[in-house]
Amino acid sequence: MNDQQMNFREWLNKPIWTYIFLGIQTVVFAAMELFPNLNIPASAGMYGPYLVYMNEWWRLITPIFIHFGLMHFVMNSLILYFMGIQLEAIYGHWRFFLIYLLSGIMGNVASFAFNNTGILSGGASTSLFGLFGALFILGFHYKNDPALQQMVRHFLLFIAMTFIFGLMDTSVDVWGHVGGIVGGLVLGNILGLPRRNADYSVHQRILSTLVFVFLFIICVLLGLKKYGLLV
């Protein structure tokens, strides 16, 4: 194997998607700070009226990369970095990519369904809670793995504190967090781990897929009903 092939393999072993997601939200935050006239949150945040009345369904994805204020951005970036490099190494690149984005979408559709009308929200926390959910399901499947159990315990207190503080702070999108963590739990069960397919039964995966699709559809229908598009 030549040096070029070795360098490519080393590059593939790095948390590529973690770095990419960090890069995207950094660029977006910098643009928000440097060019406030662009009003990026209003254009790309989770905002139900524009989603339903103007069919801007891409707002289920774009809010993942929008942050309100420096502290919001820094905290979510730190969590993404430290959790991302560990979970991307465990799940592999494409599974991590799907968990992160689809959990974020589930969090945003839950926000759409259950928050009051006219609320603008955004942040990577929908996807980050999805990573928490994916970590929990690993702890469930691998109860006899001491290293994995230690990792779960390491993040458990932090996750609980984050959720409790969110309940006390009315500006935090709690429904987005709930949707994200449920999405991560279900997606972790659907995707499994690389080269460990036998550890996840086919029935569990099929049931988890149905649960994810069902919850997504229910949230969309509830959101449409809330905005008067369904009777």
C-alpha atoms as a PDB file:
ATOM      1  CA  MET A   1       0.000   0.000   0.000  1.00  0.00           C
ATOM      2  CA  ASN A   2       1.498   3.357  -1.053  1.00  0.00           C
ATOM      3  CA  ASP A   3       1.585   6.529   1.029  1.00  0.00           C
ATOM      4  CA  GLN A   4      -1.320   8.103  -0.855  1.00  0.00           C
ATOM      5  CA  GLN A   5      -3.590   5.140  -0.104  1.00  0.00           C
ATOM      6  CA  MET A   6      -2.536   5.168   3.548  1.00  0.00           C
ATOM      7  CA  ASN A   7      -3.248   8.884   3.843  1.00  0.00           C
ATOM      8  CA  PHE A   8      -6.670   8.380   2.267  1.00  0.00           C
ATOM      9  CA  ARG A   9      -7.498   5.577   4.713  1.00  0.00           C
ATOM     10  CA  GLU A  10      -6.393   7.744   7.643  1.00  0.00           C
ATOM     11  CA  TRP A  11      -8.585  10.565   6.370  1.00  0.00           C
ATOM     12  CA  LEU A  12     -11.587   8.215   6.108  1.00  0.00           C
ATOM     13  CA  ASN A  13     -11.090   7.166   9.726  1.00  0.00           C
ATOM     14  CA  LYS A  14     -11.572  10.745  10.918  1.00  0.00           C
ATOM     15  CA  PRO A  15     -15.034  12.025  12.005  1.00  0.00           C
ATOM     16  CA  ILE A  16     -15.715  13.542   8.598  1.00  0.00           C
ATOM     17  CA  TRP A  17     -19.396  14.363   9.080  1.00  0.00           C
ATOM     18  CA  THR A  18     -18.822  15.799  12.526  1.00  0.00           C
ATOM     19  CA  TYR A  19     -16.350  18.254  11.007  1.00  0.00           C
ATOM     20  CA  ILE A  20     -18.663  19.014   8.077  1.00  0.00           C
ATOM     21  CA  PHE A  21     -21.677  19.713  10.318  1.00  0.00           C
ATOM     22  CA  LEU A  22     -19.496  21.881  12.564  1.00  0.00           C
ATOM     23  CA  GLY A  23     -18.220  23.737   9.522  1.00  0.00           C
ATOM     24  CA  ILE A  24     -21.708  24.397   8.164  1.00  0.00           C
ATOM     25  CA  GLN A  25     -23.083  25.797  11.421  1.00  0.00           C
ATOM     26  CA  THR A  26     -19.936  27.896  11.898  1.00  0.00           C
ATOM     27  CA  VAL A  27     -20.281  29.436   8.438  1.00  0.00           C
ATOM     28  CA  VAL A  28     -23.998  30.086   9.022  1.00  0.00           C
ATOM     29  CA  PHE A  29     -23.360  31.681  12.419  1.00  0.00           C
ATOM     30  CA  ALA A  30     -20.594  33.874  11.003  1.00  0.00           C
ATOM     31  CA  ALA A  31     -22.900  34.983   8.195  1.00  0.00           C
ATOM     32  CA  MET A  32     -25.642  35.801  10.727  1.00  0.00           C
ATOM     33  CA  GLU A  33     -23.233  37.940  12.770  1.00  0.00           C
ATOM     34  CA  LEU A  34     -21.506  39.656   9.843  1.00  0.00           C
ATOM     35  CA  PHE A  35     -24.576  40.177   7.659  1.00  0.00           C
ATOM     36  CA  PRO A  36     -27.575  40.666   9.978  1.00  0.00           C
ATOM     37  CA  ASN A  37     -29.556  42.236   7.144  1.00  0.00           C
ATOM     38  CA  LEU A  38     -29.806  38.791   5.549  1.00  0.00           C
ATOM     39  CA  ASN A  39     -32.093  37.810   8.430  1.00  0.00           C
ATOM     40  CA  ILE A  40     -31.109  34.156   8.086  1.00  0.00           C
ATOM     41  CA  PRO A  41     -33.211  32.929  11.057  1.00  0.00           C
ATOM     42  CA  ALA A  42     -36.397  34.270   9.484  1.00  0.00           C
ATOM     43  CA  SER A  43     -35.439  32.798   6.119  1.00  0.00           C
ATOM     44  CA  ALA A  44     -34.346  29.351   7.289  1.00  0.00           C
ATOM     45  CA  GLY A  45     -35.509  28.838  10.888  1.00  0.00           C
ATOM     46  CA  MET A  46     -38.307  26.530  11.989  1.00  0.00           C
ATOM     47  CA  TYR A  47     -41.357  28.719  11.435  1.00  0.00           C
ATOM     48  CA  GLY A  48     -44.669  26.935  11.026  1.00  0.00           C
ATOM     49  CA  PRO A  49     -46.653  29.543   9.052  1.00  0.00           C
ATOM     50  CA  TYR A  50     -44.086  29.701   6.248  1.00  0.00           C
ATOM     51  CA  LEU A  51     -43.734  25.933   6.259  1.00  0.00           C
ATOM     52  CA  VAL A  52     -47.447  25.271   5.699  1.00  0.00           C
ATOM     53  CA  TYR A  53     -48.681  28.345   3.828  1.00  0.00           C
ATOM     54  CA  MET A  54     -45.650  28.777   1.564  1.00  0.00           C
ATOM     55  CA  ASN A  55     -44.683  25.073   1.346  1.00  0.00           C
ATOM     56  CA  GLU A  56     -41.169  25.721   2.682  1.00  0.00           C
ATOM     57  CA  TRP A  57     -40.714  22.149   3.896  1.00  0.00           C
ATOM     58  CA  TRP A  58     -36.946  22.459   3.753  1.00  0.00           C
ATOM     59  CA  ARG A  59     -37.361  24.300   7.067  1.00  0.00           C
ATOM     60  CA  LEU A  60     -37.408  20.868   8.687  1.00  0.00           C
ATOM     61  CA  ILE A  61     -33.670  20.649   7.880  1.00  0.00           C
ATOM     62  CA  THR A  62     -32.175  24.148   7.796  1.00  0.00           C
ATOM     63  CA  PRO A  63     -32.943  25.065  11.446  1.00  0.00           C
ATOM     64  CA  ILE A  64     -30.398  22.427  12.533  1.00  0.00           C
ATOM     65  CA  PHE A  65     -27.608  24.794  11.476  1.00  0.00           C
ATOM     66  CA  ILE A  66     -29.007  28.074  12.874  1.00  0.00           C
ATOM     67  CA  HIS A  67     -28.097  29.375  16.351  1.00  0.00           C
ATOM     68  CA  PHE A  68     -29.334  32.365  18.317  1.00  0.00           C
ATOM     69  CA  GLY A  69     -26.421  34.047  20.049  1.00  0.00           C
ATOM     70  CA  LEU A  70     -22.812  33.143  20.782  1.00  0.00           C
ATOM     71  CA  MET A  71     -23.508  30.952  23.834  1.00  0.00           C
ATOM     72  CA  HIS A  72     -26.092  28.889  21.958  1.00  0.00           C
ATOM     73  CA  PHE A  73     -23.630  28.336  19.116  1.00  0.00           C
ATOM     74  CA  VAL A  74     -20.622  27.543  21.339  1.00  0.00           C
ATOM     75  CA  MET A  75     -22.474  25.076  23.574  1.00  0.00           C
ATOM     76  CA  ASN A  76     -24.002  23.143  20.702  1.00  0.00           C
ATOM     77  CA  SER A  77     -20.705  23.122  18.813  1.00  0.00           C
ATOM     78  CA  LEU A  78     -18.826  21.713  21.811  1.00  0.00           C
ATOM     79  CA  ILE A  79     -21.427  18.990  22.358  1.00  0.00           C
ATOM     80  CA  LEU A  80     -21.375  18.099  18.653  1.00  0.00           C
ATOM     81  CA  TYR A  81     -17.598  17.890  18.646  1.00  0.00           C
ATOM     82  CA  PHE A  82     -17.173  15.708  21.725  1.00  0.00           C
ATOM     83  CA  MET A  83     -20.163  13.445  21.057  1.00  0.00           C
ATOM     84  CA  GLY A  84     -19.731  13.412  17.309  1.00  0.00           C
ATOM     85  CA  ILE A  85     -16.155  12.153  17.235  1.00  0.00           C
ATOM     86  CA  GLN A  86     -17.133   9.245  19.505  1.00  0.00           C
ATOM     87  CA  LEU A  87     -20.423   8.252  17.930  1.00  0.00           C
ATOM     88  CA  GLU A  88     -19.225   8.648  14.347  1.00  0.00           C
ATOM     89  CA  ALA A  89     -16.362   6.280  15.195  1.00  0.00           C
ATOM     90  CA  ILE A  90     -18.861   3.768  16.623  1.00  0.00           C
ATOM     91  CA  TYR A  91     -21.659   4.028  14.051  1.00  0.00           C
ATOM     92  CA  GLY A  92     -19.570   4.797  10.996  1.00  0.00           C
ATOM     93  CA  HIS A  93     -19.914   7.726   8.639  1.00  0.00           C
ATOM     94  CA  TRP A  94     -23.183   7.110   6.805  1.00  0.00           C
ATOM     95  CA  ARG A  95     -25.087   5.835   9.849  1.00  0.00           C
ATOM     96  CA  PHE A  96     -23.944   8.878  11.839  1.00  0.00           C
ATOM     97  CA  PHE A  97     -24.995  11.145   8.962  1.00  0.00           C
ATOM     98  CA  LEU A  98     -28.492   9.633   8.879  1.00  0.00           C
ATOM     99  CA  ILE A  99     -28.938   9.706  12.669  1.00  0.00           C
ATOM    100  CA  TYR A 100     -27.868  13.332  12.905  1.00  0.00           C
ATOM    101  CA  LEU A 101     -30.006  14.687  10.066  1.00  0.00           C
ATOM    102  CA  LEU A 102     -33.099  12.504  10.506  1.00  0.00           C
ATOM    103  CA  SER A 103     -33.165  13.071  14.273  1.00  0.00           C
ATOM    104  CA  GLY A 104     -32.981  16.798  13.616  1.00  0.00           C
ATOM    105  CA  ILE A 105     -35.865  16.511  11.171  1.00  0.00           C
ATOM    106  CA  MET A 106     -37.908  14.531  13.703  1.00  0.00           C
ATOM    107  CA  GLY A 107     -37.181  17.164  16.329  1.00  0.00           C
ATOM    108  CA  ASN A 108     -38.257  19.967  14.024  1.00  0.00           C
ATOM    109  CA  VAL A 109     -41.449  18.203  12.960  1.00  0.00           C
ATOM    110  CA  ALA A 110     -42.291  17.654  16.650  1.00  0.00           C
ATOM    111  CA  SER A 111     -41.701  21.374  17.203  1.00  0.00           C
ATOM    112  CA  PHE A 112     -44.011  22.077  14.265  1.00  0.00           C
ATOM    113  CA  ALA A 113     -46.694  19.807  15.716  1.00  0.00           C
ATOM    114  CA  PHE A 114     -46.687  20.753  19.398  1.00  0.00           C
ATOM    115  CA  ASN A 115     -45.338  24.294  19.796  1.00  0.00           C
ATOM    116  CA  ASN A 116     -47.613  27.301  19.700  1.00  0.00           C
ATOM    117  CA  THR A 117     -48.200  28.852  16.300  1.00  0.00           C
ATOM    118  CA  GLY A 118     -45.829  31.511  15.052  1.00  0.00           C
ATOM    119  CA  ILE A 119     -42.780  30.444  17.082  1.00  0.00           C
ATOM    120  CA  LEU A 120     -39.378  30.764  15.381  1.00  0.00           C
ATOM    121  CA  SER A 121     -36.864  28.143  16.511  1.00  0.00           C
ATOM    122  CA  GLY A 122     -33.522  26.711  15.472  1.00  0.00           C
ATOM    123  CA  GLY A 123     -30.393  25.013  16.720  1.00  0.00           C
ATOM    124  CA  ALA A 124     -28.453  21.772  16.481  1.00  0.00           C
ATOM    125  CA  SER A 125     -29.977  20.512  19.740  1.00  0.00           C
ATOM    126  CA  THR A 126     -32.673  18.542  17.874  1.00  0.00           C
ATOM    127  CA  SER A 127     -29.908  16.518  16.217  1.00  0.00           C
ATOM    128  CA  LEU A 128     -27.747  16.454  19.357  1.00  0.00           C
ATOM    129  CA  PHE A 129     -30.578  14.926  21.359  1.00  0.00           C
ATOM    130  CA  GLY A 130     -30.821  12.422  18.528  1.00  0.00           C
ATOM    131  CA  LEU A 131     -27.204  11.486  19.208  1.00  0.00           C
ATOM    132  CA  PHE A 132     -28.112  11.089  22.883  1.00  0.00           C
ATOM    133  CA  GLY A 133     -30.934   8.740  21.866  1.00  0.00           C
ATOM    134  CA  ALA A 134     -28.632   6.722  19.622  1.00  0.00           C
ATOM    135  CA  LEU A 135     -26.183   6.428  22.521  1.00  0.00           C
ATOM    136  CA  PHE A 136     -28.934   5.209  24.875  1.00  0.00           C
ATOM    137  CA  ILE A 137     -29.990   2.466  22.472  1.00  0.00           C
ATOM    138  CA  LEU A 138     -26.370   1.297  22.311  1.00  0.00           C
ATOM    139  CA  GLY A 139     -26.375   1.023  26.089  1.00  0.00           C
ATOM    140  CA  PHE A 140     -29.550  -1.059  25.867  1.00  0.00           C
ATOM    141  CA  HIS A 141     -28.136  -3.483  23.300  1.00  0.00           C
ATOM    142  CA  TYR A 142     -24.668  -3.817  24.824  1.00  0.00           C
ATOM    143  CA  LYS A 143     -25.275  -4.059  28.550  1.00  0.00           C
ATOM    144  CA  ASN A 144     -22.156  -6.213  28.992  1.00  0.00           C
ATOM    145  CA  ASP A 145     -19.780  -3.784  27.291  1.00  0.00           C
ATOM    146  CA  PRO A 146     -18.095  -1.849  30.153  1.00  0.00           C
ATOM    147  CA  ALA A 147     -16.531   0.805  27.897  1.00  0.00           C
ATOM    148  CA  LEU A 148     -19.872   1.573  26.261  1.00  0.00           C
ATOM    149  CA  GLN A 149     -21.722   1.606  29.577  1.00  0.00           C
ATOM    150  CA  GLN A 150     -19.170   4.045  30.952  1.00  0.00           C
ATOM    151  CA  MET A 151     -19.720   6.326  27.958  1.00  0.00           C
ATOM    152  CA  VAL A 152     -23.496   6.213  28.501  1.00  0.00           C
ATOM    153  CA  ARG A 153     -23.102   7.075  32.182  1.00  0.00           C
ATOM    154  CA  HIS A 154     -20.639   9.818  31.275  1.00  0.00           C
ATOM    155  CA  PHE A 155     -23.233  11.636  29.179  1.00  0.00           C
ATOM    156  CA  LEU A 156     -26.351  10.659  31.148  1.00  0.00           C
ATOM    157  CA  LEU A 157     -26.074  13.331  33.845  1.00  0.00           C
ATOM    158  CA  PHE A 158     -25.266  16.008  31.291  1.00  0.00           C
ATOM    159  CA  ILE A 159     -28.256  15.009  29.146  1.00  0.00           C
ATOM    160  CA  ALA A 160     -30.598  15.032  32.147  1.00  0.00           C
ATOM    161  CA  MET A 161     -29.368  18.456  33.268  1.00  0.00           C
ATOM    162  CA  THR A 162     -29.717  19.865  29.753  1.00  0.00           C
ATOM    163  CA  PHE A 163     -33.284  18.611  29.509  1.00  0.00           C
ATOM    164  CA  ILE A 164     -34.271  19.891  32.967  1.00  0.00           C
ATOM    165  CA  PHE A 165     -32.806  23.347  32.291  1.00  0.00           C
ATOM    166  CA  GLY A 166     -34.725  23.328  29.021  1.00  0.00           C
ATOM    167  CA  LEU A 167     -37.974  22.755  30.900  1.00  0.00           C
ATOM    168  CA  MET A 168     -37.237  25.751  33.131  1.00  0.00           C
ATOM    169  CA  ASP A 169     -36.245  28.061  30.277  1.00  0.00           C
ATOM    170  CA  THR A 170     -39.284  29.061  28.223  1.00  0.00           C
ATOM    171  CA  SER A 171     -37.069  30.091  25.283  1.00  0.00           C
ATOM    172  CA  VAL A 172     -35.860  26.484  24.791  1.00  0.00           C
ATOM    173  CA  ASP A 173     -37.695  24.327  22.269  1.00  0.00           C
ATOM    174  CA  VAL A 174     -38.419  21.340  24.536  1.00  0.00           C
ATOM    175  CA  TRP A 175     -40.567  19.607  21.919  1.00  0.00           C
ATOM    176  CA  GLY A 176     -37.654  19.758  19.512  1.00  0.00           C
ATOM    177  CA  HIS A 177     -35.512  18.003  22.122  1.00  0.00           C
ATOM    178  CA  VAL A 178     -38.158  15.343  22.728  1.00  0.00           C
ATOM    179  CA  GLY A 179     -38.597  14.674  19.022  1.00  0.00           C
ATOM    180  CA  GLY A 180     -34.838  14.527  18.514  1.00  0.00           C
ATOM    181  CA  ILE A 181     -34.153  12.018  21.272  1.00  0.00           C
ATOM    182  CA  VAL A 182     -37.056   9.785  20.208  1.00  0.00           C
ATOM    183  CA  GLY A 183     -35.796   9.933  16.631  1.00  0.00           C
ATOM    184  CA  GLY A 184     -32.282   8.979  17.725  1.00  0.00           C
ATOM    185  CA  LEU A 185     -33.531   6.051  19.802  1.00  0.00           C
ATOM    186  CA  VAL A 186     -35.546   4.642  16.916  1.00  0.00           C
ATOM    187  CA  LEU A 187     -32.909   5.321  14.246  1.00  0.00           C
ATOM    188  CA  GLY A 188     -30.177   3.718  16.342  1.00  0.00           C
ATOM    189  CA  ASN A 189     -32.333   0.602  16.476  1.00  0.00           C
ATOM    190  CA  ILE A 190     -33.014   0.680  12.730  1.00  0.00           C
ATOM    191  CA  LEU A 191     -29.431   1.211  11.557  1.00  0.00           C
ATOM    192  CA  GLY A 192     -27.487  -0.906  14.045  1.00  0.00           C
ATOM    193  CA  LEU A 193     -23.709  -0.997  14.054  1.00  0.00           C
ATOM    194  CA  PRO A 194     -21.246  -1.813  11.269  1.00  0.00           C
ATOM    195  CA  ARG A 195     -20.446  -5.539  11.115  1.00  0.00           C
ATOM    196  CA  ARG A 196     -22.803  -6.185  14.061  1.00  0.00           C
ATOM    197  CA  ASN A 197     -26.058  -6.761  12.166  1.00  0.00           C
ATOM    198  CA  ALA A 198     -26.767  -9.995  14.027  1.00  0.00           C
ATOM    199  CA  ASP A 199     -27.080  -8.012  17.271  1.00  0.00           C
ATOM    200  CA  TYR A 200     -30.268  -6.333  16.001  1.00  0.00           C
ATOM    201  CA  SER A 201     -33.227  -8.524  15.072  1.00  0.00           C
ATOM    202  CA  VAL A 202     -35.045  -7.958  11.801  1.00  0.00           C
ATOM    203  CA  HIS A 203     -38.336  -7.637  13.685  1.00  0.00           C
ATOM    204  CA  GLN A 204     -36.904  -4.852  15.873  1.00  0.00           C
ATOM    205  CA  ARG A 205     -35.692  -2.981  12.816  1.00  0.00           C
ATOM    206  CA  ILE A 206     -38.993  -3.300  10.963  1.00  0.00           C
ATOM    207  CA  LEU A 207     -40.996  -2.219  14.017  1.00  0.00           C
ATOM    208  CA  SER A 208     -38.647   0.722  14.639  1.00  0.00           C
ATOM    209  CA  THR A 209     -38.965   1.832  10.996  1.00  0.00           C
ATOM    210  CA  LEU A 210     -42.761   1.745  11.248  1.00  0.00           C
ATOM    211  CA  VAL A 211     -42.633   3.715  14.510  1.00  0.00           C
ATOM    212  CA  PHE A 212     -40.417   6.403  12.950  1.00  0.00           C
ATOM    213  CA  VAL A 213     -42.642   6.781   9.880  1.00  0.00           C
ATOM    214  CA  PHE A 214     -45.815   6.754  12.008  1.00  0.00           C
ATOM    215  CA  LEU A 215     -44.533   9.433  14.403  1.00  0.00           C
ATOM    216  CA  PHE A 216     -43.360  11.614  11.534  1.00  0.00           C
ATOM    217  CA  ILE A 217     -46.730  11.418   9.753  1.00  0.00           C
ATOM    218  CA  ILE A 218     -48.675  12.050  12.968  1.00  0.00           C
ATOM    219  CA  CYS A 219     -46.573  15.142  13.736  1.00  0.00           C
ATOM    220  CA  VAL A 220     -47.094  16.503  10.222  1.00  0.00           C
ATOM    221  CA  LEU A 221     -50.854  15.941  10.445  1.00  0.00           C
ATOM    222  CA  LEU A 222     -51.075  17.556  13.892  1.00  0.00           C
ATOM    223  CA  GLY A 223     -49.127  20.556  12.627  1.00  0.00           C
ATOM    224  CA  LEU A 224     -51.350  20.933   9.569  1.00  0.00           C
ATOM    225  CA  LYS A 225     -54.466  20.653  11.751  1.00  0.00           C
ATOM    226  CA  LYS A 226     -53.113  23.302  14.133  1.00  0.00           C
ATOM    227  CA  TYR A 227     -52.739  25.724  11.227  1.00  0.00           C
ATOM    228  CA  GLY A 228     -56.244  24.981   9.966  1.00  0.00           C
ATOM    229  CA  LEU A 229     -55.329  22.926   6.908  1.00  0.00           C
ATOM    230  CA  LEU A 230     -57.019  19.794   8.231  1.00  0.00           C
ATOM    231  CA  VAL A 231     -60.427  19.469   9.881  1.00  0.00           C
END
